[in-house]
PDB file of N, CA and C in Angstrom:
ATOM      1  N   MET A   1       0.840  -1.188   0.000  1.00  0.00           N
ATOM      2  CA  MET A   1       0.000   0.000   0.000  1.00  0.00           C
ATOM      3  C   MET A   1       0.885   1.252   0.000  1.00  0.00           C
ATOM      4  N   LYS A   2       0.498   2.230  -0.757  1.00  0.00           N
ATOM      5  CA  LYS A   2       1.261   3.461  -0.881  1.00  0.00           C
ATOM      6  C   LYS A   2       1.091   4.327   0.365  1.00  0.00           C
ATOM      7  N   VAL A   3       2.202   4.920   0.811  1.00  0.00           N
ATOM      8  CA  VAL A   3       2.209   5.790   1.989  1.00  0.00           C
ATOM      9  C   VAL A   3       2.332   7.234   1.509  1.00  0.00           C
ATOM     10  N   SER A   4       1.497   8.116   2.027  1.00  0.00           N
ATOM     11  CA  SER A   4       1.497   9.513   1.581  1.00  0.00           C
ATOM     12  C   SER A   4       2.802  10.219   1.947  1.00  0.00           C
ATOM     13  N   LYS A   5       3.086  11.294   1.236  1.00  0.00           N
ATOM     14  CA  LYS A   5       4.286  12.091   1.507  1.00  0.00           C
ATOM     15  C   LYS A   5       4.280  12.632   2.925  1.00  0.00           C
ATOM     16  N   GLU A   6       3.113  13.072   3.396  1.00  0.00           N
ATOM     17  CA  GLU A   6       3.005  13.651   4.739  1.00  0.00           C
ATOM     18  C   GLU A   6       3.307  12.603   5.820  1.00  0.00           C
ATOM     19  N   VAL A   7       2.788  11.404   5.658  1.00  0.00           N
ATOM     20  CA  VAL A   7       3.055  10.326   6.616  1.00  0.00           C
ATOM     21  C   VAL A   7       4.538   9.970   6.593  1.00  0.00           C
ATOM     22  N   ARG A   8       5.119   9.884   5.403  1.00  0.00           N
ATOM     23  CA  ARG A   8       6.561   9.589   5.293  1.00  0.00           C
ATOM     24  C   ARG A   8       7.392  10.683   5.934  1.00  0.00           C
ATOM     25  N   ARG A   9       7.019  11.937   5.717  1.00  0.00           N
ATOM     26  CA  ARG A   9       7.770  13.062   6.287  1.00  0.00           C
ATOM     27  C   ARG A   9       7.728  13.029   7.814  1.00  0.00           C
ATOM     28  N   LYS A  10       6.526  12.856   8.370  1.00  0.00           N
ATOM     29  CA  LYS A  10       6.383  12.810   9.828  1.00  0.00           C
ATOM     30  C   LYS A  10       7.122  11.604  10.415  1.00  0.00           C
ATOM     31  N   GLY A  11       7.002  10.457   9.758  1.00  0.00           N
ATOM     32  CA  GLY A  11       7.698   9.257  10.219  1.00  0.00           C
ATOM     33  C   GLY A  11       9.199   9.412  10.171  1.00  0.00           C
ATOM     34  N   TYR A  12       9.702  10.036   9.111  1.00  0.00           N
ATOM     35  CA  TYR A  12      11.143  10.262   8.986  1.00  0.00           C
ATOM     36  C   TYR A  12      11.640  11.165  10.117  1.00  0.00           C
ATOM     37  N   LEU A  13      10.890  12.212  10.426  1.00  0.00           N
ATOM     38  CA  LEU A  13      11.291  13.114  11.509  1.00  0.00           C
ATOM     39  C   LEU A  13      11.295  12.399  12.864  1.00  0.00           C
ATOM     40  N   LEU A  14      10.300  11.558  13.108  1.00  0.00           N
ATOM     41  CA  LEU A  14      10.279  10.778  14.356  1.00  0.00           C
ATOM     42  C   LEU A  14      11.507   9.874  14.438  1.00  0.00           C
ATOM     43  N   PHE A  15      11.823   9.224  13.328  1.00  0.00           N
ATOM     44  CA  PHE A  15      12.992   8.347  13.258  1.00  0.00           C
ATOM     45  C   PHE A  15      14.283   9.134  13.497  1.00  0.00           C
ATOM     46  N   LYS A  16      14.468  10.248  12.784  1.00  0.00           N
ATOM     47  CA  LYS A  16      15.699  11.042  12.886  1.00  0.00           C
ATOM     48  C   LYS A  16      15.890  11.647  14.279  1.00  0.00           C
ATOM     49  N   LYS A  17      14.784  11.974  14.955  1.00  0.00           N
ATOM     50  CA  LYS A  17      14.858  12.568  16.295  1.00  0.00           C
ATOM     51  C   LYS A  17      14.996  11.509  17.392  1.00  0.00           C
ATOM     52  N   GLY A  18      15.105  10.250  17.000  1.00  0.00           N
ATOM     53  CA  GLY A  18      15.296   9.178  17.976  1.00  0.00           C
ATOM     54  C   GLY A  18      14.073   8.892  18.830  1.00  0.00           C
ATOM     55  N   LYS A  19      12.895   9.035  18.245  1.00  0.00           N
ATOM     56  CA  LYS A  19      11.644   8.876  19.000  1.00  0.00           C
ATOM     57  C   LYS A  19      11.133   7.432  19.033  1.00  0.00           C
ATOM     58  N   VAL A  20      11.871   6.506  18.413  1.00  0.00           N
ATOM     59  CA  VAL A  20      11.443   5.105  18.349  1.00  0.00           C
ATOM     60  C   VAL A  20      12.275   4.277  19.329  1.00  0.00           C
ATOM     61  N   GLU A  21      11.580   3.492  20.162  1.00  0.00           N
ATOM     62  CA  GLU A  21      12.265   2.645  21.133  1.00  0.00           C
ATOM     63  C   GLU A  21      11.681   1.232  21.074  1.00  0.00           C
ATOM     64  N   LYS A  22      12.565   0.241  20.908  1.00  0.00           N
ATOM     65  CA  LYS A  22      12.118  -1.150  20.970  1.00  0.00           C
ATOM     66  C   LYS A  22      11.964  -1.500  22.446  1.00  0.00           C
ATOM     67  N   VAL A  23      10.767  -1.969  22.823  1.00  0.00           N
ATOM     68  CA  VAL A  23      10.464  -2.245  24.223  1.00  0.00           C
ATOM     69  C   VAL A  23      10.604  -3.726  24.547  1.00  0.00           C
ATOM     70  N   LEU A  24      10.108  -4.576  23.649  1.00  0.00           N
ATOM     71  CA  LEU A  24      10.072  -6.007  23.930  1.00  0.00           C
ATOM     72  C   LEU A  24      10.020  -6.784  22.629  1.00  0.00           C
ATOM     73  N   GLU A  25      10.738  -7.909  22.588  1.00  0.00           N
ATOM     74  CA  GLU A  25      10.659  -8.792  21.429  1.00  0.00           C
ATOM     75  C   GLU A  25      10.425 -10.209  21.906  1.00  0.00           C
ATOM     76  N   THR A  26       9.425 -10.849  21.334  1.00  0.00           N
ATOM     77  CA  THR A  26       9.133 -12.250  21.629  1.00  0.00           C
ATOM     78  C   THR A  26       9.285 -13.042  20.338  1.00  0.00           C
ATOM     79  N   ASP A  27       8.963 -14.332  20.403  1.00  0.00           N
ATOM     80  CA  ASP A  27       9.043 -15.164  19.196  1.00  0.00           C
ATOM     81  C   ASP A  27       8.048 -14.712  18.138  1.00  0.00           C
ATOM     82  N   LYS A  28       6.930 -14.108  18.586  1.00  0.00           N
ATOM     83  CA  LYS A  28       5.855 -13.763  17.656  1.00  0.00           C
ATOM     84  C   LYS A  28       5.717 -12.281  17.354  1.00  0.00           C
ATOM     85  N   ARG A  29       6.159 -11.418  18.276  1.00  0.00           N
ATOM     86  CA  ARG A  29       5.923  -9.979  18.098  1.00  0.00           C
ATOM     87  C   ARG A  29       7.106  -9.135  18.562  1.00  0.00           C
ATOM     88  N   ILE A  30       7.146  -7.912  18.013  1.00  0.00           N
ATOM     89  CA  ILE A  30       8.087  -6.892  18.493  1.00  0.00           C
ATOM     90  C   ILE A  30       7.244  -5.691  18.901  1.00  0.00           C
ATOM     91  N   HIS A  31       7.466  -5.196  20.108  1.00  0.00           N
ATOM     92  CA  HIS A  31       6.729  -4.058  20.640  1.00  0.00           C
ATOM     93  C   HIS A  31       7.632  -2.830  20.673  1.00  0.00           C
ATOM     94  N   PHE A  32       7.082  -1.707  20.214  1.00  0.00           N
ATOM     95  CA  PHE A  32       7.814  -0.444  20.177  1.00  0.00           C
ATOM     96  C   PHE A  32       7.001   0.653  20.854  1.00  0.00           C
ATOM     97  N   LYS A  33       7.712   1.664  21.359  1.00  0.00           N
ATOM     98  CA  LYS A  33       7.088   2.911  21.795  1.00  0.00           C
ATOM     99  C   LYS A  33       7.591   3.988  20.855  1.00  0.00           C
ATOM    100  N   VAL A  34       6.674   4.814  20.386  1.00  0.00           N
ATOM    101  CA  VAL A  34       7.048   5.928  19.511  1.00  0.00           C
ATOM    102  C   VAL A  34       6.485   7.204  20.128  1.00  0.00           C
ATOM    103  N   ARG A  35       7.368   8.137  20.428  1.00  0.00           N
ATOM    104  CA  ARG A  35       6.945   9.414  21.002  1.00  0.00           C
ATOM    105  C   ARG A  35       6.524  10.350  19.873  1.00  0.00           C
ATOM    106  N   GLY A  36       5.219  10.524  19.745  1.00  0.00           N
ATOM    107  CA  GLY A  36       4.680  11.389  18.707  1.00  0.00           C
ATOM    108  C   GLY A  36       4.706  12.845  19.138  1.00  0.00           C
ATOM    109  N   GLU A  37       3.998  13.673  18.412  1.00  0.00           N
ATOM    110  CA  GLU A  37       3.961  15.112  18.703  1.00  0.00           C
ATOM    111  C   GLU A  37       3.324  15.396  20.063  1.00  0.00           C
ATOM    112  N   THR A  38       2.296  14.624  20.416  1.00  0.00           N
ATOM    113  CA  THR A  38       1.584  14.888  21.670  1.00  0.00           C
ATOM    114  C   THR A  38       1.524  13.689  22.604  1.00  0.00           C
ATOM    115  N   ASP A  39       1.601  12.482  22.083  1.00  0.00           N
ATOM    116  CA  ASP A  39       1.445  11.275  22.887  1.00  0.00           C
ATOM    117  C   ASP A  39       2.510  10.240  22.553  1.00  0.00           C
ATOM    118  N   VAL A  40       2.606   9.242  23.432  1.00  0.00           N
ATOM    119  CA  VAL A  40       3.449   8.083  23.163  1.00  0.00           C
ATOM    120  C   VAL A  40       2.534   6.984  22.633  1.00  0.00           C
ATOM    121  N   HIS A  41       2.920   6.416  21.490  1.00  0.00           N
ATOM    122  CA  HIS A  41       2.087   5.398  20.857  1.00  0.00           C
ATOM    123  C   HIS A  41       2.774   4.036  20.882  1.00  0.00           C
ATOM    124  N   SER A  42       1.957   3.003  20.895  1.00  0.00           N
ATOM    125  CA  SER A  42       2.430   1.631  20.899  1.00  0.00           C
ATOM    126  C   SER A  42       2.293   1.057  19.494  1.00  0.00           C
ATOM    127  N   VAL A  43       3.409   0.593  18.956  1.00  0.00           N
ATOM    128  CA  VAL A  43       3.419  -0.052  17.639  1.00  0.00           C
ATOM    129  C   VAL A  43       3.841  -1.497  17.846  1.00  0.00           C
ATOM    130  N   ILE A  44       3.105  -2.411  17.243  1.00  0.00           N
ATOM    131  CA  ILE A  44       3.415  -3.837  17.350  1.00  0.00           C
ATOM    132  C   ILE A  44       3.611  -4.406  15.949  1.00  0.00           C
ATOM    133  N   PHE A  45       4.683  -5.181  15.794  1.00  0.00           N
ATOM    134  CA  PHE A  45       4.932  -5.897  14.545  1.00  0.00           C
ATOM    135  C   PHE A  45       4.718  -7.379  14.803  1.00  0.00           C
ATOM    136  N   ASP A  46       3.754  -7.972  14.115  1.00  0.00           N
ATOM    137  CA  ASP A  46       3.457  -9.396  14.223  1.00  0.00           C
ATOM    138  C   ASP A  46       4.360 -10.123  13.239  1.00  0.00           C
ATOM    139  N   LYS A  47       5.319 -10.891  13.748  1.00  0.00           N
ATOM    140  CA  LYS A  47       6.294 -11.567  12.893  1.00  0.00           C
ATOM    141  C   LYS A  47       5.659 -12.636  12.009  1.00  0.00           C
ATOM    142  N   GLU A  48       4.676 -13.347  12.546  1.00  0.00           N
ATOM    143  CA  GLU A  48       4.058 -14.430  11.778  1.00  0.00           C
ATOM    144  C   GLU A  48       3.219 -13.895  10.618  1.00  0.00           C
ATOM    145  N   LYS A  49       2.430 -12.859  10.892  1.00  0.00           N
ATOM    146  CA  LYS A  49       1.568 -12.277   9.856  1.00  0.00           C
ATOM    147  C   LYS A  49       2.283 -11.218   9.028  1.00  0.00           C
ATOM    148  N   ARG A  50       3.472 -10.775   9.516  1.00  0.00           N
ATOM    149  CA  ARG A  50       4.245  -9.704   8.876  1.00  0.00           C
ATOM    150  C   ARG A  50       3.393  -8.449   8.726  1.00  0.00           C
ATOM    151  N   LYS A  51       2.691  -8.084   9.824  1.00  0.00           N
ATOM    152  CA  LYS A  51       1.814  -6.910   9.824  1.00  0.00           C
ATOM    153  C   LYS A  51       2.077  -6.044  11.037  1.00  0.00           C
ATOM    154  N   PHE A  52       1.856  -4.742  10.831  1.00  0.00           N
ATOM    155  CA  PHE A  52       1.989  -3.764  11.900  1.00  0.00           C
ATOM    156  C   PHE A  52       0.621  -3.342  12.421  1.00  0.00           C
ATOM    157  N   SER A  53       0.609  -2.882  13.671  1.00  0.00           N
ATOM    158  CA  SER A  53      -0.555  -2.196  14.224  1.00  0.00           C
ATOM    159  C   SER A  53      -0.049  -1.075  15.115  1.00  0.00           C
ATOM    160  N   CYS A  54      -0.886  -0.041  15.265  1.00  0.00           N
ATOM    161  CA  CYS A  54      -0.551   1.110  16.099  1.00  0.00           C
ATOM    162  C   CYS A  54      -1.818   1.530  16.836  1.00  0.00           C
ATOM    163  N   ASP A  55      -1.637   2.091  18.033  1.00  0.00           N
ATOM    164  CA  ASP A  55      -2.808   2.510  18.812  1.00  0.00           C
ATOM    165  C   ASP A  55      -3.218   3.958  18.551  1.00  0.00           C
ATOM    166  N   CYS A  56      -2.635   4.591  17.548  1.00  0.00           N
ATOM    167  CA  CYS A  56      -2.993   5.987  17.261  1.00  0.00           C
ATOM    168  C   CYS A  56      -4.337   6.068  16.522  1.00  0.00           C
ATOM    169  N   PRO A  57      -5.019   7.206  16.613  1.00  0.00           N
ATOM    170  CA  PRO A  57      -6.313   7.372  15.931  1.00  0.00           C
ATOM    171  C   PRO A  57      -6.234   7.186  14.414  1.00  0.00           C
ATOM    172  N   TRP A  58      -5.157   7.662  13.786  1.00  0.00           N
ATOM    173  CA  TRP A  58      -5.006   7.542  12.331  1.00  0.00           C
ATOM    174  C   TRP A  58      -5.095   6.077  11.905  1.00  0.00           C
ATOM    175  N   PHE A  59      -4.303   5.208  12.552  1.00  0.00           N
ATOM    176  CA  PHE A  59      -4.310   3.793  12.194  1.00  0.00           C
ATOM    177  C   PHE A  59      -5.653   3.161  12.525  1.00  0.00           C
ATOM    178  N   SER A  60      -6.219   3.505  13.664  1.00  0.00           N
ATOM    179  CA  SER A  60      -7.509   2.940  14.082  1.00  0.00           C
ATOM    180  C   SER A  60      -8.618   3.261  13.086  1.00  0.00           C
ATOM    181  N   LEU A  61      -8.618   4.476  12.559  1.00  0.00           N
ATOM    182  CA  LEU A  61      -9.663   4.893  11.627  1.00  0.00           C
ATOM    183  C   LEU A  61      -9.403   4.452  10.188  1.00  0.00           C
ATOM    184  N   LYS A  62      -8.165   4.565   9.763  1.00  0.00           N
ATOM    185  CA  LYS A  62      -7.837   4.319   8.352  1.00  0.00           C
ATOM    186  C   LYS A  62      -7.323   2.908   8.066  1.00  0.00           C
ATOM    187  N   GLU A  63      -6.772   2.252   9.107  1.00  0.00           N
ATOM    188  CA  GLU A  63      -6.121   0.955   8.951  1.00  0.00           C
ATOM    189  C   GLU A  63      -5.062   0.982   7.854  1.00  0.00           C
ATOM    190  N   ARG A  64      -4.311   2.087   7.854  1.00  0.00           N
ATOM    191  CA  ARG A  64      -3.212   2.271   6.912  1.00  0.00           C
ATOM    192  C   ARG A  64      -1.967   2.679   7.684  1.00  0.00           C
ATOM    193  N   THR A  65      -0.830   2.562   7.041  1.00  0.00           N
ATOM    194  CA  THR A  65       0.429   2.918   7.686  1.00  0.00           C
ATOM    195  C   THR A  65       0.403   4.358   8.170  1.00  0.00           C
ATOM    196  N   CYS A  66       0.697   4.536   9.457  1.00  0.00           N
ATOM    197  CA  CYS A  66       0.777   5.869  10.064  1.00  0.00           C
ATOM    198  C   CYS A  66       2.251   6.265  10.185  1.00  0.00           C
ATOM    199  N   SER A  67       2.495   7.479  10.625  1.00  0.00           N
ATOM    200  CA  SER A  67       3.874   7.966  10.767  1.00  0.00           C
ATOM    201  C   SER A  67       4.643   7.170  11.813  1.00  0.00           C
ATOM    202  N   HIS A  68       3.957   6.649  12.822  1.00  0.00           N
ATOM    203  CA  HIS A  68       4.618   5.871  13.880  1.00  0.00           C
ATOM    204  C   HIS A  68       5.128   4.543  13.331  1.00  0.00           C
ATOM    205  N   ILE A  69       4.296   3.877  12.535  1.00  0.00           N
ATOM    206  CA  ILE A  69       4.709   2.627  11.901  1.00  0.00           C
ATOM    207  C   ILE A  69       5.833   2.896  10.906  1.00  0.00           C
ATOM    208  N   TYR A  70       5.722   3.960  10.140  1.00  0.00           N
ATOM    209  CA  TYR A  70       6.758   4.291   9.160  1.00  0.00           C
ATOM    210  C   TYR A  70       8.101   4.538   9.859  1.00  0.00           C
ATOM    211  N   ALA A  71       8.073   5.216  11.006  1.00  0.00           N
ATOM    212  CA  ALA A  71       9.299   5.476  11.772  1.00  0.00           C
ATOM    213  C   ALA A  71       9.930   4.166  12.253  1.00  0.00           C
ATOM    214  N   VAL A  72       9.102   3.231  12.707  1.00  0.00           N
ATOM    215  CA  VAL A  72       9.607   1.926  13.146  1.00  0.00           C
ATOM    216  C   VAL A  72      10.227   1.180  11.973  1.00  0.00           C
ATOM    217  N   LYS A  73       9.569   1.214  10.816  1.00  0.00           N
ATOM    218  CA  LYS A  73      10.107   0.546   9.628  1.00  0.00           C
ATOM    219  C   LYS A  73      11.483   1.099   9.263  1.00  0.00           C
ATOM    220  N   LEU A  74      11.648   2.401   9.370  1.00  0.00           N
ATOM    221  CA  LEU A  74      12.944   3.014   9.063  1.00  0.00           C
ATOM    222  C   LEU A  74      14.018   2.564  10.054  1.00  0.00           C
ATOM    223  N   LYS A  75      13.677   2.569  11.323  1.00  0.00           N
ATOM    224  CA  LYS A  75      14.645   2.205  12.358  1.00  0.00           C
ATOM    225  C   LYS A  75      15.053   0.745  12.270  1.00  0.00           C
ATOM    226  N   GLU A  76      14.088  -0.136  12.095  1.00  0.00           N
ATOM    227  CA  GLU A  76      14.347  -1.568  12.123  1.00  0.00           C
ATOM    228  C   GLU A  76      14.571  -2.189  10.742  1.00  0.00           C
ATOM    229  N   LYS A  77      14.385  -1.393   9.707  1.00  0.00           N
ATOM    230  CA  LYS A  77      14.529  -1.866   8.327  1.00  0.00           C
ATOM    231  C   LYS A  77      13.635  -3.086   8.066  1.00  0.00           C
ATOM    232  N   ILE A  78      12.381  -2.964   8.516  1.00  0.00           N
ATOM    233  CA  ILE A  78      11.392  -4.031   8.330  1.00  0.00           C
ATOM    234  C   ILE A  78      10.527  -3.712   7.114  1.00  0.00           C
ATOM    235  N   LYS A  79      10.352  -4.714   6.276  1.00  0.00           N
ATOM    236  CA  LYS A  79       9.438  -4.581   5.142  1.00  0.00           C
ATOM    237  C   LYS A  79       8.283  -5.517   5.385  1.00  0.00           C
ATOM    238  N   ASP A  80       7.051  -5.004   5.211  1.00  0.00           N
ATOM    239  CA  ASP A  80       5.901  -5.880   5.449  1.00  0.00           C
ATOM    240  C   ASP A  80       5.391  -6.470   4.150  1.00  0.00           C
TER     241      ASP A  80
END
């Protein structure tokens, strides 16, 4: 799925500012915290399904890659 320029820009800035932190990794998932503009968001990468999820409103409403997920992808070099 294509990611908008605005989402990529915001995600890149989060990544460059060091706002992504890996919190926990298990056999099935990797958990991250991403400090956004106003809140800290939880991003989870499901290794088996090769899918991301985020608790931010953008992802909840659109079910598309948000800036938090994009920042995690940049940091961890994960392709879904």
